[in-house]
Amino acid sequence: MAVLLACLLWCLQPLDAQAADPVRVGLLQFGTVNWELDVMARHGLDDAHGIEVDTTELSSTNAVVIALQGGAVDVIVSDWLWVNRQRASGKAFQFFPYSLAVGGLFVRPDSGIRSLADLAAGGRLGVAGGPVDKSWLLLQAYARARGIGLAGKVEPSFAAPPLLNRLMLAGDLPAVLNYWHYGARLEAAGMRRLLDVRQMLDGLGVAEPVPMLGWVFSQAWADRHPQVLKGFLEATFAAKRLLVERDDEWQTIRSLTRAEDDATLNALRDGYRQGAPTGLVDNGRPAASKVFDILVKEGGARLVGPAQQLLPDVFWSGADSARLSDRDAAR
């Protein structure tokens, strides 16, 4: 009788409470997601929010995306442009803010480049990604709005972020447009930030904070496990709060950051903190829609695919990033 009663009680639990499967997170071996998940595990934030996390390290961004599409993982970090393209193709993924951190344009102090006009005077520019990289398109739009044409005047060299850093530090490139954590390493090494994407957006009329990266998952999985997903997001925001408020956490995760010295660690810490997803309205969707309108003009179908606008339901509305930030701040 006792066994039967126990079975009946278990069956009456909500579906999420019955599910023993963890949240399967796909990540890059040295990505910033590792920092948060380490903090989460050490402080028991996963247990505190009623979840279990299982991580799968993958070798490249493409491998991470393929793992999500194939159902090998439940959650990854990507951008809302990718989610929008997928939804336009009939694949229902969704996005929730992870970071506001943005890349920027960095120059060697001996390059003679003090302004965009100097850059447009001719020379090479290293660009992380390819011809339709978001930062490269926004830089061109920002320059054009100021009467400066970069196309045909600047010779872009498209390459992977670590290679660009090596080339710049070796003196082979006078300027690079790179992601924020690579830019932090450059600044720690004495390179100079000329302009960042946040300034570009301000100059293009987007004053609101924009979540450039977010947690991405299938809508079907989110619909089946809404409480598990909420618990996961709450745990990640609690981990962010510790990294924002406590310097000692950065010493603990130092090996994960691969910071070679204190200057690099401090630059990574400060860049991460600037990217904490606060101040967002409607999880950042209105601001992202403005950025999309700029990017569709600059990159066309090569960047955005068949969609000509930010589609409904790209941003998951099952939680409020502003509420999560405010709640963690009050703890």
Foldseek 3Di string as FASTA:
>chain_A
DVVVVVVVVLVPDPPQLNDPDAQEEEEAQQDPVVLLVVLLVVVVLQVVLPGDYHYDHDHDPVVRVVCQVVVVGFKYKDFLLVQQQCVVVVFAKAWFFDWLFWWAKWFAPPLPDQAVQSQLQAFEEEEEDDPLDLFNLLVQVLCVVVVGHNPPRYHYDYDHLVVVLVCVVVVNGGMYTHGQLSVLVVVLVPIGTNTIVQVSCVSVPLPARARGMGMMGGPVVCVSNVSSVVSVVLSSLLSLLCLLPPPVSLVVCVVSNVDPDPSSSVSNSVSRNVTNPEPDDLSRVVSVQVSLQSSCVRPNCVRNNPDNTSDPRNHDNSDDSNVSNVVSVVD
